[in-house]
Amino acid sequence: MYGDCTKNEVTKKLRTIEWLRQHHGGRVAITTVNGVDKALAAVSGQLDRLAPDFIKYAIPSAGTYNCRTVAGSRARSMHAYGAAIDLNTHYSDYWRWAAKTGMDPVWKNQIPMEIVHVFEAHGFIWGGYWYHFDTMHFEYRPELLPVALSTLPQ
C-alpha cells in the first residue's frame, strides 16, 4: 500500500508539512497514502493550540520518514512507509533504553495524555501503550485504534 522504501517507492508519495507552525517546529515528510499527511497536519494544528507547557514534548520532532526496520527485528518500521512520527526524545521513554540496565524494562512515560488524545483523534496509535513501550512514537493505524483502546484498563 505504501510502497517499498528500498525501491524509492515511498519517497514519491511523501509530502512535507509544517510541524507546529505557530511554534516554529520545522518541517516533516509524511506519506499522502490514506490521507496520513492530512491527519498529521490536523494533529499539528490541534497541538499548536494546546497550552504552551505542552509544546516542549513535540518540538523538535525526532523524525518521520526513515527507510529502516524496527530495532532488533526484520519487520519494517512504520517510519519506512512515512506513516509515523517520533516526538522530542528528551521527554521520551523507550523500552530499549530502560533495558540497558540488564533488568526487564519498567514502563515510564513523560508524554502528557492530552498529546496522546490529539493523535488518537486523528487515527494515530501511541507506542506508549505497548509492552515494548516507545512513548515518543505515533503511527497512523486507525484500523487498530478501537481495538487498542478497548484493551486498556478503565
N, C-alpha and C. Protein backbone atom coordinates (compact mmCIF):
# COMPACT_ATOMS: atom_id res chain seq x y z
N MET A 1 0.82 -1.19 0.00
CA MET A 1 0.00 0.00 0.00
C MET A 1 0.87 1.26 0.00
N TYR A 2 1.87 1.30 0.87
CA TYR A 2 2.71 2.50 0.97
C TYR A 2 3.88 2.46 0.01
N GLY A 3 4.24 1.25 -0.44
CA GLY A 3 5.38 1.09 -1.32
C GLY A 3 6.58 0.53 -0.59
N ASP A 4 7.60 0.21 -1.34
CA ASP A 4 8.84 -0.34 -0.79
C ASP A 4 9.87 0.78 -0.75
N CYS A 5 10.30 1.11 0.45
CA CYS A 5 11.25 2.23 0.59
C CYS A 5 12.60 1.91 -0.04
N THR A 6 12.95 0.64 -0.11
CA THR A 6 14.24 0.29 -0.71
C THR A 6 14.24 0.47 -2.23
N LYS A 7 13.04 0.60 -2.80
CA LYS A 7 12.92 0.81 -4.25
C LYS A 7 12.49 2.23 -4.56
N ASN A 8 12.61 3.12 -3.59
CA ASN A 8 12.27 4.53 -3.75
C ASN A 8 10.78 4.76 -4.05
N GLU A 9 9.93 3.81 -3.69
CA GLU A 9 8.50 3.95 -3.95
C GLU A 9 7.81 4.85 -2.93
N VAL A 10 8.33 4.89 -1.72
CA VAL A 10 7.70 5.68 -0.65
C VAL A 10 7.97 7.16 -0.84
N THR A 11 9.18 7.52 -1.21
CA THR A 11 9.54 8.93 -1.32
C THR A 11 8.69 9.67 -2.36
N LYS A 12 8.22 8.96 -3.37
CA LYS A 12 7.39 9.58 -4.39
C LYS A 12 6.03 10.02 -3.83
N LYS A 13 5.64 9.45 -2.70
CA LYS A 13 4.33 9.73 -2.11
C LYS A 13 4.42 10.61 -0.86
N LEU A 14 5.61 11.14 -0.58
CA LEU A 14 5.77 11.97 0.61
C LEU A 14 5.36 13.41 0.36
N ARG A 15 4.84 14.04 1.39
CA ARG A 15 4.51 15.47 1.36
C ARG A 15 5.16 16.10 2.59
N THR A 16 5.72 17.26 2.43
CA THR A 16 6.30 17.97 3.57
C THR A 16 5.25 18.89 4.16
N ILE A 17 5.08 18.78 5.48
CA ILE A 17 4.13 19.66 6.17
C ILE A 17 4.87 20.46 7.24
N GLU A 18 4.29 21.60 7.59
CA GLU A 18 4.81 22.41 8.69
C GLU A 18 4.40 21.72 9.99
N TRP A 19 5.35 21.51 10.87
CA TRP A 19 5.09 20.87 12.16
C TRP A 19 5.00 21.96 13.23
N LEU A 20 3.84 22.07 13.84
CA LEU A 20 3.57 23.09 14.86
C LEU A 20 4.03 24.47 14.36
N ARG A 21 3.43 24.89 13.28
CA ARG A 21 3.79 26.13 12.59
C ARG A 21 3.85 27.33 13.54
N GLN A 22 2.86 27.48 14.41
CA GLN A 22 2.83 28.63 15.31
C GLN A 22 4.01 28.65 16.28
N HIS A 23 4.63 27.49 16.48
CA HIS A 23 5.76 27.38 17.41
C HIS A 23 7.07 27.11 16.68
N HIS A 24 7.07 27.29 15.36
CA HIS A 24 8.27 27.13 14.53
C HIS A 24 8.92 25.76 14.72
N GLY A 25 8.08 24.72 14.61
CA GLY A 25 8.54 23.35 14.84
C GLY A 25 9.25 22.70 13.67
N GLY A 26 9.38 23.40 12.56
CA GLY A 26 10.09 22.85 11.41
C GLY A 26 9.16 22.15 10.44
N ARG A 27 9.75 21.31 9.63
CA ARG A 27 9.01 20.61 8.59
C ARG A 27 9.27 19.11 8.71
N VAL A 28 8.24 18.32 8.40
CA VAL A 28 8.37 16.86 8.42
C VAL A 28 7.78 16.29 7.14
N ALA A 29 8.35 15.18 6.69
CA ALA A 29 7.87 14.49 5.49
C ALA A 29 7.01 13.31 5.91
N ILE A 30 5.82 13.22 5.32
CA ILE A 30 4.87 12.17 5.69
C ILE A 30 4.16 11.69 4.42
N THR A 31 3.72 10.46 4.39
CA THR A 31 3.08 9.93 3.20
C THR A 31 1.70 10.55 2.95
N THR A 32 1.33 10.60 1.69
CA THR A 32 -0.01 11.06 1.32
C THR A 32 -0.99 9.90 1.23
N VAL A 33 -0.50 8.67 1.27
CA VAL A 33 -1.35 7.48 1.17
C VAL A 33 -2.34 7.47 2.34
N ASN A 34 -3.58 7.17 2.03
CA ASN A 34 -4.65 7.09 3.04
C ASN A 34 -4.88 8.39 3.80
N GLY A 35 -4.37 9.50 3.29
CA GLY A 35 -4.58 10.78 3.96
C GLY A 35 -3.77 10.97 5.22
N VAL A 36 -2.66 10.23 5.35
CA VAL A 36 -1.83 10.36 6.55
C VAL A 36 -1.32 11.80 6.68
N ASP A 37 -0.96 12.41 5.56
CA ASP A 37 -0.47 13.79 5.60
C ASP A 37 -1.53 14.74 6.14
N LYS A 38 -2.76 14.54 5.73
CA LYS A 38 -3.85 15.39 6.22
C LYS A 38 -4.10 15.16 7.70
N ALA A 39 -4.04 13.90 8.13
CA ALA A 39 -4.24 13.58 9.55
C ALA A 39 -3.13 14.21 10.40
N LEU A 40 -1.88 14.11 9.94
CA LEU A 40 -0.78 14.68 10.72
C LEU A 40 -0.84 16.21 10.72
N ALA A 41 -1.26 16.80 9.61
CA ALA A 41 -1.42 18.25 9.57
C ALA A 41 -2.50 18.69 10.57
N ALA A 42 -3.57 17.91 10.69
CA ALA A 42 -4.62 18.21 11.66
C ALA A 42 -4.10 18.07 13.08
N VAL A 43 -3.31 17.04 13.34
CA VAL A 43 -2.68 16.87 14.66
C VAL A 43 -1.83 18.08 14.97
N SER A 44 -1.00 18.49 14.02
CA SER A 44 -0.12 19.63 14.21
C SER A 44 -0.91 20.89 14.56
N GLY A 45 -1.98 21.14 13.83
CA GLY A 45 -2.80 22.31 14.10
C GLY A 45 -3.43 22.28 15.48
N GLN A 46 -3.88 21.10 15.88
CA GLN A 46 -4.51 20.96 17.19
C GLN A 46 -3.48 21.08 18.31
N LEU A 47 -2.30 20.49 18.12
CA LEU A 47 -1.24 20.62 19.14
C LEU A 47 -0.81 22.07 19.26
N ASP A 48 -0.77 22.78 18.15
CA ASP A 48 -0.40 24.20 18.15
C ASP A 48 -1.30 25.02 19.08
N ARG A 49 -2.53 24.57 19.26
CA ARG A 49 -3.49 25.30 20.09
C ARG A 49 -3.49 24.89 21.56
N LEU A 50 -2.69 23.87 21.91
CA LEU A 50 -2.59 23.47 23.32
C LEU A 50 -1.84 24.55 24.10
N ALA A 51 -1.96 24.49 25.42
CA ALA A 51 -1.24 25.42 26.29
C ALA A 51 0.26 25.32 26.01
N PRO A 52 0.98 26.43 26.14
CA PRO A 52 2.42 26.44 25.84
C PRO A 52 3.24 25.38 26.58
N ASP A 53 2.81 24.96 27.75
CA ASP A 53 3.55 23.95 28.52
C ASP A 53 3.67 22.62 27.79
N PHE A 54 2.77 22.34 26.85
CA PHE A 54 2.77 21.07 26.14
C PHE A 54 3.73 21.03 24.95
N ILE A 55 4.09 22.18 24.43
CA ILE A 55 4.84 22.25 23.18
C ILE A 55 6.21 21.59 23.27
N LYS A 56 6.87 21.70 24.41
CA LYS A 56 8.21 21.13 24.56
C LYS A 56 8.27 19.62 24.29
N TYR A 57 7.14 18.94 24.45
CA TYR A 57 7.11 17.49 24.22
C TYR A 57 7.11 17.14 22.74
N ALA A 58 6.67 18.07 21.90
CA ALA A 58 6.51 17.78 20.48
C ALA A 58 7.56 18.42 19.59
N ILE A 59 8.34 19.35 20.13
CA ILE A 59 9.38 20.04 19.35
C ILE A 59 10.71 19.86 20.05
N PRO A 60 11.73 19.43 19.34
CA PRO A 60 11.71 19.09 17.91
C PRO A 60 11.15 17.69 17.68
N SER A 61 10.65 17.49 16.51
CA SER A 61 10.27 16.14 16.11
C SER A 61 11.56 15.32 16.00
N ALA A 62 11.47 14.06 16.38
CA ALA A 62 12.64 13.18 16.26
C ALA A 62 12.60 12.40 14.95
N GLY A 63 11.65 12.75 14.07
CA GLY A 63 11.67 12.15 12.74
C GLY A 63 10.38 11.52 12.29
N THR A 64 10.26 11.45 10.98
CA THR A 64 9.12 10.80 10.35
C THR A 64 9.66 9.72 9.41
N TYR A 65 9.76 10.01 8.12
CA TYR A 65 10.20 9.01 7.16
C TYR A 65 11.65 8.59 7.39
N ASN A 66 11.86 7.27 7.43
CA ASN A 66 13.19 6.70 7.56
C ASN A 66 13.09 5.25 7.10
N CYS A 67 13.74 4.90 6.02
CA CYS A 67 13.69 3.54 5.47
C CYS A 67 14.51 2.61 6.36
N ARG A 68 13.83 1.99 7.34
CA ARG A 68 14.52 1.12 8.29
C ARG A 68 13.57 0.08 8.86
N THR A 69 14.16 -0.87 9.56
CA THR A 69 13.36 -1.88 10.26
C THR A 69 13.15 -1.44 11.70
N VAL A 70 12.24 -2.13 12.37
CA VAL A 70 12.06 -1.92 13.80
C VAL A 70 13.34 -2.42 14.47
N ALA A 71 13.88 -1.65 15.39
CA ALA A 71 15.13 -2.04 16.05
C ALA A 71 15.04 -3.46 16.60
N GLY A 72 16.06 -4.27 16.28
CA GLY A 72 16.13 -5.63 16.78
C GLY A 72 15.24 -6.62 16.05
N SER A 73 14.71 -6.25 14.88
CA SER A 73 13.83 -7.16 14.15
C SER A 73 14.07 -7.02 12.64
N ARG A 74 13.34 -7.83 11.89
CA ARG A 74 13.37 -7.73 10.43
C ARG A 74 12.15 -6.99 9.89
N ALA A 75 11.21 -6.70 10.77
CA ALA A 75 9.96 -6.04 10.35
C ALA A 75 10.21 -4.58 10.00
N ARG A 76 9.58 -4.12 8.96
CA ARG A 76 9.70 -2.71 8.58
C ARG A 76 9.00 -1.84 9.63
N SER A 77 9.66 -0.77 9.96
CA SER A 77 9.07 0.24 10.83
C SER A 77 8.03 1.01 10.04
N MET A 78 7.02 1.55 10.71
CA MET A 78 6.05 2.42 10.03
C MET A 78 6.74 3.69 9.54
N HIS A 79 7.91 4.00 10.10
CA HIS A 79 8.70 5.12 9.59
C HIS A 79 9.15 4.84 8.15
N ALA A 80 9.37 3.58 7.82
CA ALA A 80 9.81 3.20 6.48
C ALA A 80 8.73 3.45 5.43
N TYR A 81 7.50 3.63 5.89
CA TYR A 81 6.39 3.91 4.99
C TYR A 81 5.98 5.39 5.05
N GLY A 82 6.66 6.15 5.87
CA GLY A 82 6.32 7.56 6.02
C GLY A 82 5.02 7.76 6.76
N ALA A 83 4.65 6.81 7.63
CA ALA A 83 3.36 6.85 8.32
C ALA A 83 3.52 6.91 9.84
N ALA A 84 4.65 7.44 10.29
CA ALA A 84 4.90 7.54 11.74
C ALA A 84 5.71 8.79 12.04
N ILE A 85 5.58 9.24 13.27
CA ILE A 85 6.36 10.38 13.75
C ILE A 85 6.84 10.07 15.16
N ASP A 86 8.05 10.49 15.45
CA ASP A 86 8.58 10.43 16.81
C ASP A 86 8.68 11.86 17.33
N LEU A 87 8.33 12.03 18.60
CA LEU A 87 8.39 13.35 19.23
C LEU A 87 9.74 13.55 19.91
N ASN A 88 9.88 14.67 20.56
CA ASN A 88 11.12 15.08 21.24
C ASN A 88 11.66 13.97 22.14
N THR A 89 12.85 13.46 21.82
CA THR A 89 13.43 12.35 22.59
C THR A 89 13.80 12.75 24.01
N HIS A 90 13.96 14.03 24.26
CA HIS A 90 14.31 14.48 25.61
C HIS A 90 13.22 14.14 26.63
N TYR A 91 11.98 14.05 26.14
CA TYR A 91 10.85 13.75 27.02
C TYR A 91 10.23 12.39 26.72
N SER A 92 11.01 11.51 26.14
CA SER A 92 10.50 10.22 25.71
C SER A 92 11.13 9.09 26.51
N ASP A 93 10.41 8.00 26.58
CA ASP A 93 10.90 6.79 27.23
C ASP A 93 10.74 5.63 26.25
N TYR A 94 11.74 4.77 26.22
CA TYR A 94 11.79 3.69 25.24
C TYR A 94 12.30 2.44 25.95
N TRP A 95 11.63 1.33 25.71
CA TRP A 95 11.97 0.11 26.44
C TRP A 95 13.41 -0.31 26.25
N ARG A 96 13.99 -0.09 25.08
CA ARG A 96 15.39 -0.49 24.86
C ARG A 96 16.35 0.35 25.71
N TRP A 97 16.01 1.63 25.93
CA TRP A 97 16.85 2.45 26.80
C TRP A 97 16.75 1.94 28.22
N ALA A 98 15.55 1.59 28.65
CA ALA A 98 15.34 1.09 30.01
C ALA A 98 15.97 -0.29 30.20
N ALA A 99 16.01 -1.10 29.15
CA ALA A 99 16.54 -2.46 29.24
C ALA A 99 18.05 -2.50 29.35
N LYS A 100 18.72 -1.40 29.12
CA LYS A 100 20.19 -1.37 29.19
C LYS A 100 20.70 -1.66 30.59
N THR A 101 19.82 -1.62 31.57
CA THR A 101 20.22 -1.92 32.95
C THR A 101 20.39 -3.41 33.17
N GLY A 102 19.95 -4.23 32.20
CA GLY A 102 20.04 -5.68 32.34
C GLY A 102 18.81 -6.27 32.99
N MET A 103 17.89 -5.43 33.41
CA MET A 103 16.64 -5.90 34.02
C MET A 103 15.52 -5.72 33.00
N ASP A 104 14.37 -6.34 33.31
CA ASP A 104 13.21 -6.10 32.46
C ASP A 104 12.89 -4.62 32.49
N PRO A 105 12.55 -4.06 31.34
CA PRO A 105 12.22 -2.63 31.32
C PRO A 105 10.96 -2.34 32.14
N VAL A 106 11.01 -1.25 32.86
CA VAL A 106 9.86 -0.80 33.64
C VAL A 106 9.26 0.38 32.90
N TRP A 107 7.96 0.29 32.63
CA TRP A 107 7.26 1.32 31.87
C TRP A 107 7.39 2.67 32.55
N LYS A 108 7.74 3.67 31.75
CA LYS A 108 7.79 5.07 32.20
C LYS A 108 7.20 5.91 31.09
N ASN A 109 6.70 7.08 31.46
CA ASN A 109 6.16 7.98 30.46
C ASN A 109 6.21 9.41 30.95
N GLN A 110 6.62 10.31 30.05
CA GLN A 110 6.60 11.74 30.31
C GLN A 110 5.66 12.48 29.36
N ILE A 111 5.17 11.82 28.32
CA ILE A 111 4.32 12.46 27.32
C ILE A 111 2.92 12.66 27.92
N PRO A 112 2.43 13.89 27.97
CA PRO A 112 1.09 14.13 28.53
C PRO A 112 0.00 13.44 27.70
N MET A 113 -0.99 12.92 28.40
CA MET A 113 -2.08 12.23 27.72
C MET A 113 -2.88 13.18 26.82
N GLU A 114 -2.85 14.45 27.08
CA GLU A 114 -3.52 15.41 26.20
C GLU A 114 -2.95 15.33 24.78
N ILE A 115 -1.65 15.13 24.69
CA ILE A 115 -1.00 14.98 23.38
C ILE A 115 -1.40 13.65 22.75
N VAL A 116 -1.39 12.60 23.54
CA VAL A 116 -1.78 11.27 23.04
C VAL A 116 -3.20 11.32 22.48
N HIS A 117 -4.10 11.95 23.19
CA HIS A 117 -5.50 12.01 22.76
C HIS A 117 -5.68 12.79 21.46
N VAL A 118 -4.87 13.82 21.25
CA VAL A 118 -4.93 14.56 19.98
C VAL A 118 -4.56 13.63 18.83
N PHE A 119 -3.48 12.88 18.98
CA PHE A 119 -3.08 11.94 17.93
C PHE A 119 -4.16 10.89 17.69
N GLU A 120 -4.70 10.33 18.76
CA GLU A 120 -5.72 9.29 18.63
C GLU A 120 -6.96 9.81 17.90
N ALA A 121 -7.32 11.04 18.13
CA ALA A 121 -8.49 11.63 17.48
C ALA A 121 -8.33 11.70 15.96
N HIS A 122 -7.09 11.55 15.50
CA HIS A 122 -6.81 11.64 14.06
C HIS A 122 -6.28 10.32 13.49
N GLY A 123 -6.46 9.21 14.22
CA GLY A 123 -6.14 7.89 13.68
C GLY A 123 -4.76 7.35 13.98
N PHE A 124 -4.02 7.99 14.88
CA PHE A 124 -2.69 7.51 15.22
C PHE A 124 -2.74 6.70 16.51
N ILE A 125 -1.97 5.61 16.56
CA ILE A 125 -1.83 4.87 17.80
C ILE A 125 -0.51 5.27 18.44
N TRP A 126 -0.45 5.12 19.74
CA TRP A 126 0.69 5.56 20.54
C TRP A 126 1.51 4.38 21.00
N GLY A 127 2.82 4.46 20.79
CA GLY A 127 3.73 3.41 21.22
C GLY A 127 3.86 3.31 22.74
N GLY A 128 3.35 4.24 23.47
CA GLY A 128 3.38 4.17 24.94
C GLY A 128 2.47 3.12 25.51
N TYR A 129 1.51 2.63 24.72
CA TYR A 129 0.60 1.58 25.18
C TYR A 129 1.22 0.19 25.08
N TRP A 130 2.29 0.06 24.34
CA TRP A 130 2.85 -1.26 24.06
C TRP A 130 3.69 -1.78 25.23
N TYR A 131 3.76 -3.12 25.35
CA TYR A 131 4.65 -3.72 26.35
C TYR A 131 6.08 -3.25 26.09
N HIS A 132 6.51 -3.31 24.85
CA HIS A 132 7.81 -2.76 24.46
C HIS A 132 7.56 -1.29 24.11
N PHE A 133 7.39 -0.51 25.15
CA PHE A 133 6.92 0.87 25.02
C PHE A 133 7.91 1.77 24.29
N ASP A 134 7.33 2.73 23.59
CA ASP A 134 8.08 3.71 22.80
C ASP A 134 7.24 4.98 22.85
N THR A 135 7.39 5.75 23.92
CA THR A 135 6.45 6.85 24.19
C THR A 135 6.58 8.03 23.23
N MET A 136 7.65 8.10 22.48
CA MET A 136 7.81 9.18 21.51
C MET A 136 7.09 8.87 20.20
N HIS A 137 6.68 7.62 20.00
CA HIS A 137 6.24 7.10 18.71
C HIS A 137 4.72 7.13 18.52
N PHE A 138 4.31 7.67 17.37
CA PHE A 138 2.91 7.65 16.94
C PHE A 138 2.88 7.20 15.49
N GLU A 139 2.02 6.23 15.20
CA GLU A 139 1.90 5.76 13.82
C GLU A 139 0.44 5.74 13.40
N TYR A 140 0.23 6.02 12.13
CA TYR A 140 -1.12 6.09 11.60
C TYR A 140 -1.64 4.68 11.38
N ARG A 141 -2.55 4.26 12.24
CA ARG A 141 -3.16 2.93 12.16
C ARG A 141 -4.60 3.01 12.66
N PRO A 142 -5.45 3.78 12.00
CA PRO A 142 -6.81 3.96 12.50
C PRO A 142 -7.59 2.67 12.63
N GLU A 143 -7.23 1.66 11.84
CA GLU A 143 -7.93 0.38 11.91
C GLU A 143 -7.67 -0.35 13.22
N LEU A 144 -6.56 -0.04 13.88
CA LEU A 144 -6.23 -0.68 15.15
C LEU A 144 -6.70 0.10 16.37
N LEU A 145 -7.00 1.35 16.19
CA LEU A 145 -7.29 2.22 17.32
C LEU A 145 -8.45 1.75 18.18
N PRO A 146 -9.61 1.39 17.64
CA PRO A 146 -10.70 0.94 18.52
C PRO A 146 -10.33 -0.30 19.33
N VAL A 147 -9.60 -1.23 18.72
CA VAL A 147 -9.18 -2.44 19.41
C VAL A 147 -8.18 -2.11 20.50
N ALA A 148 -7.20 -1.28 20.18
CA ALA A 148 -6.16 -0.92 21.15
C ALA A 148 -6.77 -0.22 22.34
N LEU A 149 -7.67 0.71 22.12
CA LEU A 149 -8.26 1.47 23.21
C LEU A 149 -9.20 0.61 24.06
N SER A 150 -9.82 -0.39 23.46
CA SER A 150 -10.76 -1.23 24.22
C SER A 150 -10.03 -2.16 25.18
N THR A 151 -8.73 -2.40 24.98
CA THR A 151 -7.98 -3.29 25.86
C THR A 151 -7.33 -2.58 27.03
N LEU A 152 -7.44 -1.25 27.08
CA LEU A 152 -6.82 -0.51 28.18
C LEU A 152 -7.65 -0.65 29.45
N PRO A 153 -6.99 -0.65 30.60
CA PRO A 153 -7.74 -0.68 31.86
C PRO A 153 -8.60 0.56 32.00
N GLN A 154 -9.76 0.41 32.56
CA GLN A 154 -10.68 1.54 32.75
C GLN A 154 -10.32 2.32 34.00
